[in-house]
Amino acid sequence: MAHDIETKRCKLLTLHYVVRSLAMSLASGFVGAYLLRLGFSLATAIAIYAVLYLTRFAIRFGAAAVIRRLGVRRSLLVGASLGGLQFLPLVFAERPAWLAIWVLTVCVGDCVYFPVFHAASAVCGGNGRRGRQIAERLFSGTAISIIDSAP
């Protein structure tokens, strides 16, 4: 009985990962096109994405303290909410201050959300199946990336 519940939870976690990966992949394409539409050059748009990655790296350890303070449930809610709200400051991204707010919103949302997701993945499943479950999740994310980038 417990085995079935664990399997169901892991499958739901994988489904969640697939849906979120699909949404984020589509959003990345939209954001890139939107930045180009605002008048940013391709090089600048790519540099903005580089700033996103650097900012995530810089604030990751501070986010751990926030997660400890908020707890698991609230961290998921805050991270997911910021992920959804990221498009509000993006509307005004041609202004440097709003572009910076957008970068921070995306980065804080990801840095609060993903550690909790990974912790849930770590405790889900197991009993000799964890490697397969993680492989299924990674395969799903990779397949979405390939499909999304196909011409």
Protein backbone atom coordinates (compact mmCIF):
# COMPACT_ATOMS: atom_id res chain seq x y z
CA MET A 1 0.00 0.00 0.00
CA ALA A 2 2.75 2.46 0.95
CA HIS A 3 4.63 1.48 -2.21
CA ASP A 4 1.62 2.47 -4.36
CA ILE A 5 1.32 5.84 -2.62
CA GLU A 6 5.04 6.51 -3.11
CA THR A 7 4.81 5.57 -6.79
CA LYS A 8 1.77 7.83 -7.28
CA ARG A 9 3.52 10.75 -5.56
CA CYS A 10 6.60 10.32 -7.73
CA LYS A 11 4.51 10.16 -10.89
CA LEU A 12 2.69 13.35 -9.85
CA LEU A 13 6.03 15.02 -9.17
CA THR A 14 7.24 13.97 -12.61
CA LEU A 15 4.03 15.25 -14.21
CA HIS A 16 4.49 18.53 -12.37
CA TYR A 17 8.05 18.77 -13.65
CA VAL A 18 6.98 18.08 -17.23
CA VAL A 19 4.22 20.71 -17.17
CA ARG A 20 6.49 23.30 -15.53
CA SER A 21 9.32 22.54 -17.99
CA LEU A 22 6.96 22.97 -20.91
CA ALA A 23 5.63 26.26 -19.54
CA MET A 24 9.09 27.62 -18.80
CA SER A 25 10.44 26.55 -22.18
CA LEU A 26 7.60 28.31 -23.98
CA ALA A 27 7.97 31.35 -21.73
CA SER A 28 11.70 31.59 -22.50
CA GLY A 29 10.97 31.73 -26.21
CA PHE A 30 8.32 34.38 -25.64
CA VAL A 31 10.60 36.46 -23.43
CA GLY A 32 13.45 36.31 -25.94
CA ALA A 33 11.15 37.39 -28.77
CA TYR A 34 9.63 40.09 -26.59
CA LEU A 35 13.05 41.52 -25.69
CA LEU A 36 13.90 41.65 -29.40
CA ARG A 37 10.56 43.33 -30.08
CA LEU A 38 11.34 45.97 -27.44
CA GLY A 39 14.40 46.88 -29.49
CA PHE A 40 17.14 45.00 -27.68
CA SER A 41 19.74 43.49 -30.00
CA LEU A 42 20.20 39.73 -30.08
CA ALA A 43 23.53 40.11 -28.26
CA THR A 44 21.87 42.20 -25.53
CA ALA A 45 19.02 39.70 -25.13
CA ILE A 46 21.54 36.88 -24.73
CA ALA A 47 23.51 39.00 -22.24
CA ILE A 48 20.31 39.55 -20.24
CA TYR A 49 19.88 35.78 -20.02
CA ALA A 50 23.50 35.53 -18.85
CA VAL A 51 22.73 38.09 -16.14
CA LEU A 52 19.78 35.91 -15.10
CA TYR A 53 22.07 32.92 -14.58
CA LEU A 54 24.70 34.94 -12.74
CA THR A 55 22.08 36.51 -10.48
CA ARG A 56 20.58 33.11 -9.66
CA PHE A 57 24.02 31.88 -8.71
CA ALA A 58 24.68 34.96 -6.57
CA ILE A 59 21.46 34.81 -4.56
CA ARG A 60 21.11 31.04 -4.20
CA PHE A 61 22.64 30.85 -0.71
CA GLY A 62 20.53 33.72 0.57
CA ALA A 63 17.46 31.95 -0.74
CA ALA A 64 18.23 28.95 1.47
CA ALA A 65 17.79 31.17 4.55
CA VAL A 66 14.49 32.45 3.16
CA ILE A 67 13.28 28.89 2.56
CA ARG A 68 14.14 27.88 6.12
CA ARG A 69 12.19 30.86 7.42
CA LEU A 70 9.16 30.37 5.15
CA GLY A 71 8.93 26.60 5.27
CA VAL A 72 8.24 24.19 2.44
CA ARG A 73 4.64 25.04 1.58
CA ARG A 74 5.04 28.81 1.64
CA SER A 75 8.31 28.59 -0.29
CA LEU A 76 6.57 26.68 -3.06
CA LEU A 77 3.78 29.25 -3.12
CA VAL A 78 6.18 32.20 -3.15
CA GLY A 79 8.39 30.66 -5.83
CA ALA A 80 5.47 29.70 -8.07
CA SER A 81 3.78 33.07 -7.56
CA LEU A 82 6.92 34.98 -8.47
CA GLY A 83 7.28 32.77 -11.53
CA GLY A 84 3.80 33.78 -12.63
CA LEU A 85 4.19 37.43 -11.70
CA GLN A 86 7.43 37.82 -13.65
CA PHE A 87 5.52 39.01 -16.69
CA LEU A 88 4.25 42.17 -14.98
CA PRO A 89 7.65 43.91 -14.75
CA LEU A 90 8.56 42.49 -18.16
CA VAL A 91 5.90 44.73 -19.71
CA PHE A 92 8.07 47.75 -18.88
CA ALA A 93 11.43 46.05 -19.50
CA GLU A 94 12.61 48.73 -21.92
CA ARG A 95 13.31 50.80 -18.78
CA PRO A 96 16.45 49.64 -16.95
CA ALA A 97 14.83 49.67 -13.49
CA TRP A 98 11.95 47.46 -14.64
CA LEU A 99 14.36 45.14 -16.45
CA ALA A 100 16.29 44.75 -13.17
CA ILE A 101 13.03 44.11 -11.28
CA TRP A 102 12.13 41.45 -13.84
CA VAL A 103 15.54 39.78 -13.47
CA LEU A 104 15.21 39.77 -9.67
CA THR A 105 11.65 38.45 -9.80
CA VAL A 106 12.64 35.54 -12.03
CA CYS A 107 15.76 34.75 -10.02
CA VAL A 108 14.20 34.92 -6.57
CA GLY A 109 11.25 32.83 -7.75
CA ASP A 110 13.52 30.12 -9.14
CA CYS A 111 15.91 30.19 -6.18
CA VAL A 112 13.06 29.79 -3.69
CA TYR A 113 11.08 27.24 -5.72
CA PHE A 114 13.69 24.80 -6.99
CA PRO A 115 15.42 23.82 -3.73
CA VAL A 116 12.04 22.77 -2.36
CA PHE A 117 11.26 20.86 -5.56
CA HIS A 118 14.61 19.06 -5.38
CA ALA A 119 14.06 18.24 -1.71
CA ALA A 120 10.69 16.73 -2.59
CA SER A 121 12.37 14.73 -5.34
CA ALA A 122 14.98 13.47 -2.91
CA VAL A 123 12.44 12.08 -0.45
CA CYS A 124 10.05 10.75 -3.09
CA GLY A 125 10.31 7.15 -4.14
CA GLY A 126 13.44 5.27 -3.46
CA ASN A 127 13.55 1.56 -2.64
CA GLY A 128 15.86 0.99 -5.58
CA ARG A 129 13.73 3.05 -7.99
CA ARG A 130 14.98 6.57 -7.36
CA GLY A 131 17.54 6.49 -10.18
CA ARG A 132 14.86 5.46 -12.66
CA GLN A 133 12.47 8.15 -11.40
CA ILE A 134 15.07 10.88 -11.74
CA ALA A 135 16.04 9.56 -15.18
CA GLU A 136 12.38 9.74 -16.28
CA ARG A 137 12.19 13.33 -15.06
CA LEU A 138 15.39 14.32 -16.83
CA PHE A 139 14.36 12.53 -20.02
CA SER A 140 11.05 14.38 -19.99
CA GLY A 141 12.72 17.77 -19.53
CA THR A 142 15.25 17.05 -22.25
CA ALA A 143 12.55 15.91 -24.65
CA ILE A 144 10.64 19.15 -24.05
CA SER A 145 13.79 21.18 -24.73
CA ILE A 146 14.42 19.33 -27.98
CA ILE A 147 10.82 19.61 -29.17
CA ASP A 148 10.67 23.29 -28.22
CA SER A 149 13.86 24.10 -30.14
CA ALA A 150 12.86 22.17 -33.29
CA PRO A 151 12.20 24.41 -36.32
